[in-house]
Protein backbone atom coordinates (compact mmCIF):
# COMPACT_ATOMS: atom_id res chain seq x y z
CA UNK A 1 -36.45 -7.20 -56.09
CA UNK A 2 -36.67 -8.13 -52.41
CA UNK A 3 -35.63 -5.46 -49.94
CA UNK A 4 -32.31 -5.98 -48.28
CA UNK A 5 -32.53 -6.22 -44.54
CA UNK A 6 -29.57 -4.94 -42.53
CA UNK A 7 -27.73 -7.49 -40.45
CA UNK A 8 -28.67 -7.54 -36.79
CA UNK A 9 -26.43 -5.45 -34.54
CA UNK A 10 -23.82 -7.31 -32.52
CA UNK A 11 -24.89 -8.16 -28.98
CA UNK A 12 -23.93 -5.62 -26.37
CA UNK A 13 -21.08 -6.71 -24.11
CA UNK A 14 -22.15 -7.87 -20.68
CA UNK A 15 -21.86 -5.40 -17.84
CA UNK A 16 -20.97 -7.93 -15.18
CA UNK A 17 -18.51 -10.75 -15.45
CA UNK A 18 -18.68 -13.48 -12.83
CA UNK A 19 -15.29 -15.05 -12.24
CA UNK A 20 -16.13 -18.31 -10.55
CA UNK A 21 -14.21 -21.51 -9.97
CA UNK A 22 -14.79 -22.75 -13.53
CA UNK A 23 -13.41 -19.55 -15.06
CA UNK A 24 -10.42 -19.65 -12.77
CA UNK A 25 -9.74 -23.25 -13.72
CA UNK A 26 -9.79 -22.34 -17.41
CA UNK A 27 -7.57 -19.30 -16.89
CA UNK A 28 -4.43 -20.05 -14.88
CA UNK A 29 -3.32 -16.41 -15.08
CA UNK A 30 -6.53 -15.26 -13.37
CA UNK A 31 -6.08 -17.91 -10.67
CA UNK A 32 -2.48 -16.80 -10.18
CA UNK A 33 -3.53 -13.16 -9.75
CA UNK A 34 -6.22 -14.16 -7.27
CA UNK A 35 -3.66 -16.13 -5.26
CA UNK A 36 -1.30 -13.18 -5.44
CA UNK A 37 -3.92 -10.91 -3.87
CA UNK A 38 -4.57 -13.40 -1.08
CA UNK A 39 -0.83 -13.63 -0.45
CA UNK A 40 -0.57 -9.84 -0.36
CA UNK A 41 -3.36 -9.51 2.19
CA UNK A 42 -1.81 -12.24 4.33
CA UNK A 43 1.55 -10.43 4.21
CA UNK A 44 -0.15 -7.17 5.24
CA UNK A 45 -1.93 -8.79 8.18
CA UNK A 46 1.24 -10.53 9.35
CA UNK A 47 3.37 -7.38 9.17
CA UNK A 48 0.63 -5.33 10.86
CA UNK A 49 0.63 -7.74 13.82
CA UNK A 50 4.45 -7.68 13.90
CA UNK A 51 4.40 -3.87 13.95
CA UNK A 52 2.09 -3.87 16.99
CA UNK A 53 3.93 -6.51 19.05
CA UNK A 54 7.54 -5.61 18.14
CA UNK A 55 8.02 -3.18 21.08
CA UNK A 56 6.56 -5.60 23.63
CA UNK A 57 8.90 -8.37 22.42
CA UNK A 58 11.89 -5.97 22.25
CA UNK A 59 12.25 -6.79 18.57
CA UNK A 60 12.77 -3.12 17.81
CA UNK A 61 12.41 -0.10 20.08
CA UNK A 62 14.43 2.74 21.58
CA UNK A 63 14.13 3.25 25.33
CA UNK A 64 14.28 6.95 26.12
CA UNK A 65 14.78 6.25 29.84
CA UNK A 66 18.01 4.33 29.27
CA UNK A 67 18.84 5.79 25.82
CA UNK A 68 19.13 2.18 24.71
CA UNK A 69 18.24 0.59 21.37
CA UNK A 70 16.71 -2.88 21.57
CA UNK A 71 16.97 -5.14 18.52
CA UNK A 72 15.77 -8.74 18.20
CA UNK A 73 15.33 -9.09 21.93
CA UNK A 74 18.78 -7.84 22.92
CA UNK A 75 20.22 -4.41 23.74
CA UNK A 76 22.28 -3.04 20.88
CA UNK A 77 25.51 -1.47 22.13
CA UNK A 78 27.96 0.64 20.16
CA UNK A 79 30.78 0.38 22.71
CA UNK A 80 30.48 3.97 23.93
CA UNK A 81 29.62 2.90 27.50
CA UNK A 82 32.83 0.91 27.76
CA UNK A 83 34.79 3.92 26.54
CA UNK A 84 33.15 6.17 29.15
CA UNK A 85 34.07 3.66 31.85
CA UNK A 86 37.69 3.73 30.56
CA UNK A 87 37.40 0.06 29.59
CA UNK A 88 37.97 0.69 25.88
CA UNK A 89 40.14 3.01 23.83
CA UNK A 90 38.90 5.80 21.60
CA UNK A 91 39.81 3.65 18.57
CA UNK A 92 37.67 0.77 19.85
CA UNK A 93 34.77 3.15 20.45
CA UNK A 94 35.09 4.61 16.94
CA UNK A 95 35.20 1.13 15.38
CA UNK A 96 32.12 0.14 17.38
CA UNK A 97 30.19 3.13 16.09
CA UNK A 98 31.18 2.38 12.49
CA UNK A 99 30.77 -1.41 12.57
CA UNK A 100 27.70 -1.65 14.81
CA UNK A 101 25.98 1.62 13.98
CA UNK A 102 26.78 3.26 10.67
CA UNK A 103 27.44 0.20 8.49
CA UNK A 104 24.32 -1.80 9.51
CA UNK A 105 22.11 1.26 9.03
CA UNK A 106 23.71 2.01 5.67
CA UNK A 107 23.33 -1.60 4.54
CA UNK A 108 19.66 -1.58 5.51
CA UNK A 109 19.01 1.64 3.60
CA UNK A 110 20.89 0.43 0.52
CA UNK A 111 19.03 -2.91 0.48
CA UNK A 112 15.68 -1.15 0.90
CA UNK A 113 16.37 1.30 -1.93
CA UNK A 114 17.76 -1.48 -4.14
CA UNK A 115 14.44 -3.33 -3.86
CA UNK A 116 12.56 -0.10 -4.56
CA UNK A 117 14.87 0.62 -7.53
CA UNK A 118 13.80 -2.63 -9.16
CA UNK A 119 10.23 -3.14 -7.92
CA UNK A 120 8.97 0.30 -6.88
CA UNK A 121 6.93 0.86 -3.74
CA UNK A 122 6.68 -2.84 -2.98
CA UNK A 123 6.90 -2.25 0.76
CA UNK A 124 3.92 0.13 0.64
CA UNK A 125 1.62 -2.22 -1.24
CA UNK A 126 2.62 -5.47 0.44
CA UNK A 127 3.79 -4.74 4.00
CA UNK A 128 3.14 -1.18 5.16
CA UNK A 129 0.73 -1.30 8.16
CA UNK A 130 -0.52 2.20 7.37
CA UNK A 131 -1.48 1.29 3.82
CA UNK A 132 -3.34 -1.81 4.99
CA UNK A 133 -5.47 0.51 7.13
CA UNK A 134 -6.00 2.79 4.14
CA UNK A 135 -7.47 -0.11 2.18
CA UNK A 136 -9.64 -1.17 5.13
CA UNK A 137 -11.01 2.35 5.64
CA UNK A 138 -11.58 2.72 1.90
CA UNK A 139 -13.87 -0.29 2.00
CA UNK A 140 -15.78 0.91 5.07
CA UNK A 141 -16.31 4.37 3.58
CA UNK A 142 -17.47 2.87 0.30
CA UNK A 143 -20.04 0.80 2.16
CA UNK A 144 -21.27 3.99 3.82
CA UNK A 145 -21.44 6.40 0.88
CA UNK A 146 -20.17 4.69 -2.26
CA UNK A 147 -16.92 6.69 -2.27
CA UNK A 148 -13.37 5.69 -1.46
CA UNK A 149 -12.49 9.17 -0.22
CA UNK A 150 -14.53 12.00 1.23
CA UNK A 151 -13.06 14.17 -1.53
CA UNK A 152 -14.30 12.03 -4.43
CA UNK A 153 -16.59 14.05 -6.68
CA UNK A 154 -19.01 11.17 -7.27
CA UNK A 155 -19.68 7.68 -5.92
CA UNK A 156 -17.92 4.70 -7.50
CA UNK A 157 -20.26 1.78 -8.29
CA UNK A 158 -19.11 -1.62 -7.13
CA UNK A 159 -21.17 -4.68 -8.03
CA UNK A 160 -24.56 -4.83 -6.38
CA UNK A 161 -23.35 -2.99 -3.27
CA UNK A 162 -25.74 -0.29 -2.13
CA UNK A 163 -24.33 2.36 0.24
CA UNK A 164 -25.97 2.18 3.66
CA UNK A 165 -25.80 4.84 6.34
CA UNK A 166 -25.41 2.25 9.09
CA UNK A 167 -21.74 1.93 8.08
CA UNK A 168 -20.96 5.55 8.96
CA UNK A 169 -20.59 4.95 12.73
CA UNK A 170 -18.28 2.00 12.11
CA UNK A 171 -16.15 4.11 9.75
CA UNK A 172 -15.75 6.94 12.28
CA UNK A 173 -15.14 4.54 15.19
CA UNK A 174 -12.54 2.68 13.13
CA UNK A 175 -10.70 5.92 12.30
CA UNK A 176 -10.64 6.85 15.99
CA UNK A 177 -9.61 3.35 17.11
CA UNK A 178 -6.83 3.13 14.52
CA UNK A 179 -5.68 6.64 15.42
CA UNK A 180 -5.38 5.68 19.09
CA UNK A 181 -3.68 2.38 18.18
CA UNK A 182 -1.11 4.26 16.12
CA UNK A 183 -0.45 6.79 18.90
CA UNK A 184 0.04 4.28 21.70
CA UNK A 185 2.08 1.92 19.50
CA UNK A 186 4.48 4.70 18.52
CA UNK A 187 4.79 5.71 22.18
CA UNK A 188 5.64 2.11 23.07
CA UNK A 189 8.52 2.28 20.59
CA UNK A 190 10.01 5.06 22.74
CA UNK A 191 9.08 3.95 26.28
CA UNK A 192 8.75 0.50 27.86
CA UNK A 193 5.39 -0.91 26.68
CA UNK A 194 4.62 -2.28 30.14
CA UNK A 195 4.96 1.22 31.57
CA UNK A 196 2.86 2.84 28.84
CA UNK A 197 -0.01 0.35 29.05
CA UNK A 198 0.25 -0.02 32.84
CA UNK A 199 -0.04 3.74 33.40
CA UNK A 200 -2.89 3.98 30.89
CA UNK A 201 -4.95 1.19 32.46
CA UNK A 202 -4.30 2.52 35.96
CA UNK A 203 -5.07 6.10 34.95
CA UNK A 204 -1.62 7.26 36.06
CA UNK A 205 -0.10 8.31 32.73
CA UNK A 206 2.44 11.12 33.07
CA UNK A 207 1.49 14.52 31.60
CA UNK A 208 3.88 14.00 28.69
CA UNK A 209 2.49 10.55 27.97
CA UNK A 210 -1.09 11.82 28.13
CA UNK A 211 -0.32 14.74 25.82
CA UNK A 212 1.37 12.44 23.33
CA UNK A 213 -1.59 10.08 23.30
CA UNK A 214 -4.22 12.81 22.98
CA UNK A 215 -2.40 14.79 20.28
CA UNK A 216 -1.26 11.68 18.43
CA UNK A 217 -4.76 10.19 18.42
CA UNK A 218 -6.26 13.45 17.16
CA UNK A 219 -3.69 13.85 14.37
CA UNK A 220 -3.86 10.24 13.18
CA UNK A 221 -7.66 10.17 13.35
CA UNK A 222 -7.89 13.33 11.23
CA UNK A 223 -5.40 11.85 8.77
CA UNK A 224 -7.39 8.62 8.47
CA UNK A 225 -10.60 10.59 7.98
CA UNK A 226 -9.52 13.20 5.48
CA UNK A 227 -6.00 12.71 4.12
CA UNK A 228 -4.97 9.05 4.16
CA UNK A 229 -4.42 8.95 0.37
CA UNK A 230 -2.64 12.31 0.34
CA UNK A 231 -0.31 11.18 3.10
CA UNK A 232 0.59 7.95 1.28
CA UNK A 233 1.16 9.77 -2.00
CA UNK A 234 2.98 12.91 -0.86
CA UNK A 235 3.56 12.93 2.92
CA UNK A 236 5.31 9.64 3.64
CA UNK A 237 9.11 9.88 3.38
CA UNK A 238 9.46 6.09 3.11
CA UNK A 239 7.13 6.02 0.13
CA UNK A 240 8.68 9.11 -1.44
CA UNK A 241 12.22 7.71 -1.47
CA UNK A 242 10.96 4.41 -2.89
CA UNK A 243 9.25 6.31 -5.71
CA UNK A 244 12.36 8.38 -6.45
CA UNK A 245 14.52 5.26 -6.66
CA UNK A 246 11.96 3.54 -8.91
CA UNK A 247 11.61 6.52 -11.24
CA UNK A 248 15.38 6.56 -11.74
CA UNK A 249 15.32 3.02 -13.15
CA UNK A 250 13.87 2.61 -16.66
CA UNK A 251 14.04 -1.18 -16.18
CA UNK A 252 11.96 -1.13 -12.97
CA UNK A 253 8.70 -3.05 -12.64
CA UNK A 254 5.84 -1.18 -14.35
CA UNK A 255 2.20 -1.75 -15.19
CA UNK A 256 2.27 -1.77 -19.00
CA UNK A 257 -0.82 -0.88 -21.06
CA UNK A 258 -1.51 -2.10 -24.58
CA UNK A 259 -2.57 1.23 -26.10
CA UNK A 260 -3.67 -0.40 -29.36
CA UNK A 261 -6.63 -1.82 -27.42
CA UNK A 262 -7.66 1.39 -25.70
CA UNK A 263 -11.16 1.14 -27.20
CA UNK A 264 -11.77 -2.06 -25.23
CA UNK A 265 -11.54 -0.10 -21.99
CA UNK A 266 -14.79 1.72 -22.70
CA UNK A 267 -16.92 -1.29 -21.79
CA UNK A 268 -14.42 -2.92 -19.46
CA UNK A 269 -16.14 -3.99 -16.25
CA UNK A 270 -16.20 -6.55 -13.48
CA UNK A 271 -18.79 -7.41 -10.85
CA UNK A 272 -16.83 -5.21 -8.46
CA UNK A 273 -16.53 -2.35 -10.97
CA UNK A 274 -19.50 -2.36 -13.36
CA UNK A 275 -19.09 1.27 -14.46
CA UNK A 276 -16.28 0.59 -16.94
CA UNK A 277 -12.50 1.06 -16.76
CA UNK A 278 -12.31 -1.51 -14.00
CA UNK A 279 -8.63 -0.82 -13.28
CA UNK A 280 -9.40 2.81 -12.42
CA UNK A 281 -12.10 1.79 -9.98
CA UNK A 282 -10.04 -0.65 -7.92
CA UNK A 283 -6.78 1.29 -7.48
CA UNK A 284 -6.48 1.99 -3.72
CA UNK A 285 -4.20 4.98 -4.40
CA UNK A 286 -6.86 6.57 -6.67
CA UNK A 287 -4.51 6.48 -9.68
CA UNK A 288 -5.21 5.75 -13.35
CA UNK A 289 -3.21 2.56 -14.04
CA UNK A 290 -3.24 3.11 -17.82
CA UNK A 291 -1.22 6.29 -17.42
CA UNK A 292 2.45 6.60 -18.24
CA UNK A 293 5.06 5.84 -15.59
CA UNK A 294 5.76 9.40 -14.50
CA UNK A 295 2.05 9.83 -13.72
CA UNK A 296 2.11 6.61 -11.69
CA UNK A 297 4.73 8.02 -9.31
CA UNK A 298 2.99 6.69 -6.19
CA UNK A 299 1.98 3.26 -7.56
CA UNK A 300 2.35 0.66 -4.79
CA UNK A 301 2.49 -2.39 -7.09
CA UNK A 302 -0.47 -4.01 -5.36
CA UNK A 303 -1.61 -5.61 -8.63
CA UNK A 304 -5.32 -4.97 -8.10
CA UNK A 305 -5.60 -3.20 -11.46
CA UNK A 306 -4.12 -6.26 -13.20
CA UNK A 307 -6.56 -8.56 -11.42
CA UNK A 308 -9.54 -6.42 -12.47
CA UNK A 309 -8.29 -6.16 -16.07
CA UNK A 310 -7.73 -9.90 -16.31
CA UNK A 311 -11.17 -10.62 -14.81
CA UNK A 312 -12.91 -8.36 -17.31
CA UNK A 313 -11.08 -9.60 -20.38
CA UNK A 314 -11.36 -13.25 -19.41
CA UNK A 315 -15.15 -12.98 -19.72
CA UNK A 316 -14.70 -11.65 -23.26
CA UNK A 317 -12.15 -14.30 -24.24
CA UNK A 318 -9.48 -11.67 -24.59
CA UNK A 319 -6.02 -11.24 -23.17
CA UNK A 320 -5.63 -8.55 -20.50
CA UNK A 321 -4.44 -5.15 -21.68
CA UNK A 322 -2.52 -4.51 -18.46
CA UNK A 323 0.56 -6.52 -17.53
CA UNK A 324 3.57 -6.23 -15.27
CA UNK A 325 6.77 -5.64 -17.23
CA UNK A 326 10.32 -5.52 -15.92
CA UNK A 327 13.79 -5.27 -17.42
CA UNK A 328 13.98 -4.75 -21.19
CA UNK A 329 10.19 -5.09 -21.47
CA UNK A 330 9.84 -2.15 -19.11
CA UNK A 331 12.28 -0.12 -21.24
CA UNK A 332 10.24 -0.92 -24.34
CA UNK A 333 7.12 0.21 -22.53
CA UNK A 334 8.78 3.53 -21.70
CA UNK A 335 9.79 4.00 -25.37
CA UNK A 336 6.23 3.25 -26.45
CA UNK A 337 4.96 5.84 -24.01
CA UNK A 338 7.32 8.46 -25.43
CA UNK A 339 6.29 7.65 -28.99
CA UNK A 340 2.65 7.85 -27.98
CA UNK A 341 3.20 11.26 -26.39
CA UNK A 342 4.94 12.54 -29.52
CA UNK A 343 2.19 11.18 -31.75
């Protein structure tokens, strides 16, 4: 009787998955996610430039010299000056404060929180100038030492990138340059930009201006070096209130994970993240995107985890296990999470 030979083992899954033009053409979802990332970066760059030039164009700043708010190129008056000059009644002054001060500010806050209630920290991931610097510094640090934070326990592999020490000087210089940029930009929101920059270039900055620039540069540089992720996750009030509004809405946009396919994540990889669990490797907030919503409190909805998941599964002719869900689908995802926790 002839000996039975065991069937050959299945081929090992590839460890890198090129996602070229042909793959994108065959997978419209992958192409859409790639376009979404390009759109997000363009929005970040545009808002970053707007943040820097807004004081110089009087789009938004508060002049401490004249105690005057400038908005969209014009001084914003509440009517108090007219009341002090006896040109308006107390009723007119009160109406001016309510109609031109309290109500616009309240409407802005409500609109901002309404967006966060439905979409989460969308501002952080798509517009925030600070977060765009966090992503830039993450990349520079990874080129220098293979880590995205100085506090990471081990390097994170990314494609064929080999950490090179020559990137260290650029990383430190960038932290210092961004720290100074932040300090002088914030000062220009409080004082006329022409005065701030003119005094700086002429070496005639006032003692208060010089102290603000030196202390501000030191604080922001240290934050960029050591605590940029911690600040975004726990120290930023704008991000915190967005997260609180989002957590209160079970229908809010979430990254949903198909837990029935958890085994597939063991060999999940992309050229950028060949070590497996590609979504974990690309998250700029250092989160685990497959976690439940309450553990994704500081998710910025950047979508990079979805792009990595789709890239990996496309190469294996599989659907992605991570998707954005909103509305009733988000509620179902929350119920699944609770059932999974109980099980």
